[in-house]
């Protein structure tokens, strides 16, 4: 059984890891929107896989927050 101190340390590490993953996902999504804004990503010229990847990233973020 973990001591209270170890439980707190574990919770802090889990929170830091979650925050790191969420930041990574948000940075990717920001890049996606910036590419849409500047025209370097044209939705008319895509097979949809890029859009699906963005949706998958949102799903990952949601699942991280539900942990």
C-alpha atoms as a PDB file:
ATOM      1  CA  UNK A   1       0.000   0.000   0.000  1.00  0.00           C
ATOM      2  CA  UNK A   2       1.347   3.431  -0.954  1.00  0.00           C
ATOM      3  CA  UNK A   3       1.999   6.016   1.686  1.00  0.00           C
ATOM      4  CA  UNK A   4       0.045   9.266   1.529  1.00  0.00           C
ATOM      5  CA  UNK A   5       3.208  11.082   0.362  1.00  0.00           C
ATOM      6  CA  UNK A   6       3.763   8.585  -2.460  1.00  0.00           C
ATOM      7  CA  UNK A   7       0.124   8.841  -3.504  1.00  0.00           C
ATOM      8  CA  UNK A   8       0.412  12.619  -3.722  1.00  0.00           C
ATOM      9  CA  UNK A   9       3.663  12.367  -5.723  1.00  0.00           C
ATOM     10  CA  UNK A  10       2.016   9.887  -8.078  1.00  0.00           C
ATOM     11  CA  UNK A  11      -0.994  12.157  -8.544  1.00  0.00           C
ATOM     12  CA  UNK A  12       1.259  15.141  -9.279  1.00  0.00           C
ATOM     13  CA  UNK A  13       3.236  13.129 -11.848  1.00  0.00           C
ATOM     14  CA  UNK A  14       0.031  11.922 -13.484  1.00  0.00           C
ATOM     15  CA  UNK A  15      -1.246  15.496 -13.626  1.00  0.00           C
ATOM     16  CA  UNK A  16       2.020  16.735 -15.142  1.00  0.00           C
ATOM     17  CA  UNK A  17       1.950  13.978 -17.759  1.00  0.00           C
ATOM     18  CA  UNK A  18      -1.689  14.740 -18.601  1.00  0.00           C
ATOM     19  CA  UNK A  19      -0.858  18.436 -18.937  1.00  0.00           C
ATOM     20  CA  UNK A  20       2.107  17.643 -21.184  1.00  0.00           C
ATOM     21  CA  UNK A  21      -0.026  15.467 -23.449  1.00  0.00           C
ATOM     22  CA  UNK A  22      -2.826  18.038 -23.569  1.00  0.00           C
ATOM     23  CA  UNK A  23      -0.376  20.814 -24.425  1.00  0.00           C
ATOM     24  CA  UNK A  24       1.076  18.689 -27.228  1.00  0.00           C
ATOM     25  CA  UNK A  25      -2.397  18.057 -28.669  1.00  0.00           C
ATOM     26  CA  UNK A  26      -3.431  21.716 -28.382  1.00  0.00           C
ATOM     27  CA  UNK A  27      -0.253  22.827 -30.155  1.00  0.00           C
ATOM     28  CA  UNK A  28      -1.005  20.422 -33.031  1.00  0.00           C
ATOM     29  CA  UNK A  29      -4.578  21.677 -33.283  1.00  0.00           C
ATOM     30  CA  UNK A  30      -3.378  25.288 -33.260  1.00  0.00           C
ATOM     31  CA  UNK A  31      -1.013  24.457 -36.119  1.00  0.00           C
ATOM     32  CA  UNK A  32      -3.907  22.867 -38.033  1.00  0.00           C
ATOM     33  CA  UNK A  33      -6.009  26.014 -37.675  1.00  0.00           C
ATOM     34  CA  UNK A  34      -3.095  28.264 -38.615  1.00  0.00           C
ATOM     35  CA  UNK A  35      -2.558  26.223 -41.789  1.00  0.00           C
ATOM     36  CA  UNK A  36      -6.248  26.546 -42.611  1.00  0.00           C
ATOM     37  CA  UNK A  37      -6.047  30.278 -41.988  1.00  0.00           C
ATOM     38  CA  UNK A  38      -2.971  30.893 -44.153  1.00  0.00           C
ATOM     39  CA  UNK A  39      -4.175  28.578 -46.907  1.00  0.00           C
ATOM     40  CA  UNK A  40      -1.349  26.045 -46.666  1.00  0.00           C
ATOM     41  CA  UNK A  41      -3.953  23.418 -45.804  1.00  0.00           C
ATOM     42  CA  UNK A  42      -6.753  23.382 -48.366  1.00  0.00           C
ATOM     43  CA  UNK A  43      -9.668  21.205 -47.362  1.00  0.00           C
ATOM     44  CA  UNK A  44     -10.612  20.908 -51.028  1.00  0.00           C
ATOM     45  CA  UNK A  45      -7.266  19.219 -51.718  1.00  0.00           C
ATOM     46  CA  UNK A  46      -7.330  16.591 -48.992  1.00  0.00           C
ATOM     47  CA  UNK A  47      -8.415  12.986 -48.765  1.00  0.00           C
ATOM     48  CA  UNK A  48      -9.857  13.676 -45.326  1.00  0.00           C
ATOM     49  CA  UNK A  49      -7.115  11.897 -43.384  1.00  0.00           C
ATOM     50  CA  UNK A  50      -5.763  15.187 -42.020  1.00  0.00           C
ATOM     51  CA  UNK A  51      -9.193  16.177 -40.767  1.00  0.00           C
ATOM     52  CA  UNK A  52      -9.635  12.748 -39.208  1.00  0.00           C
ATOM     53  CA  UNK A  53      -6.250  13.119 -37.480  1.00  0.00           C
ATOM     54  CA  UNK A  54      -7.422  16.416 -35.954  1.00  0.00           C
ATOM     55  CA  UNK A  55     -10.648  14.805 -34.784  1.00  0.00           C
ATOM     56  CA  UNK A  56      -8.635  11.927 -33.321  1.00  0.00           C
ATOM     57  CA  UNK A  57      -6.499  14.451 -31.426  1.00  0.00           C
ATOM     58  CA  UNK A  58      -9.618  16.051 -29.950  1.00  0.00           C
ATOM     59  CA  UNK A  59     -10.833  12.601 -28.923  1.00  0.00           C
ATOM     60  CA  UNK A  60      -7.460  11.939 -27.245  1.00  0.00           C
ATOM     61  CA  UNK A  61      -7.690  15.212 -25.330  1.00  0.00           C
ATOM     62  CA  UNK A  62     -11.191  14.381 -24.155  1.00  0.00           C
ATOM     63  CA  UNK A  63     -10.132  10.910 -23.010  1.00  0.00           C
ATOM     64  CA  UNK A  64      -7.155  12.378 -21.111  1.00  0.00           C
ATOM     65  CA  UNK A  65      -9.459  14.733 -19.251  1.00  0.00           C
ATOM     66  CA  UNK A  66     -11.821  11.908 -18.350  1.00  0.00           C
ATOM     67  CA  UNK A  67      -9.030   9.873 -16.683  1.00  0.00           C
END
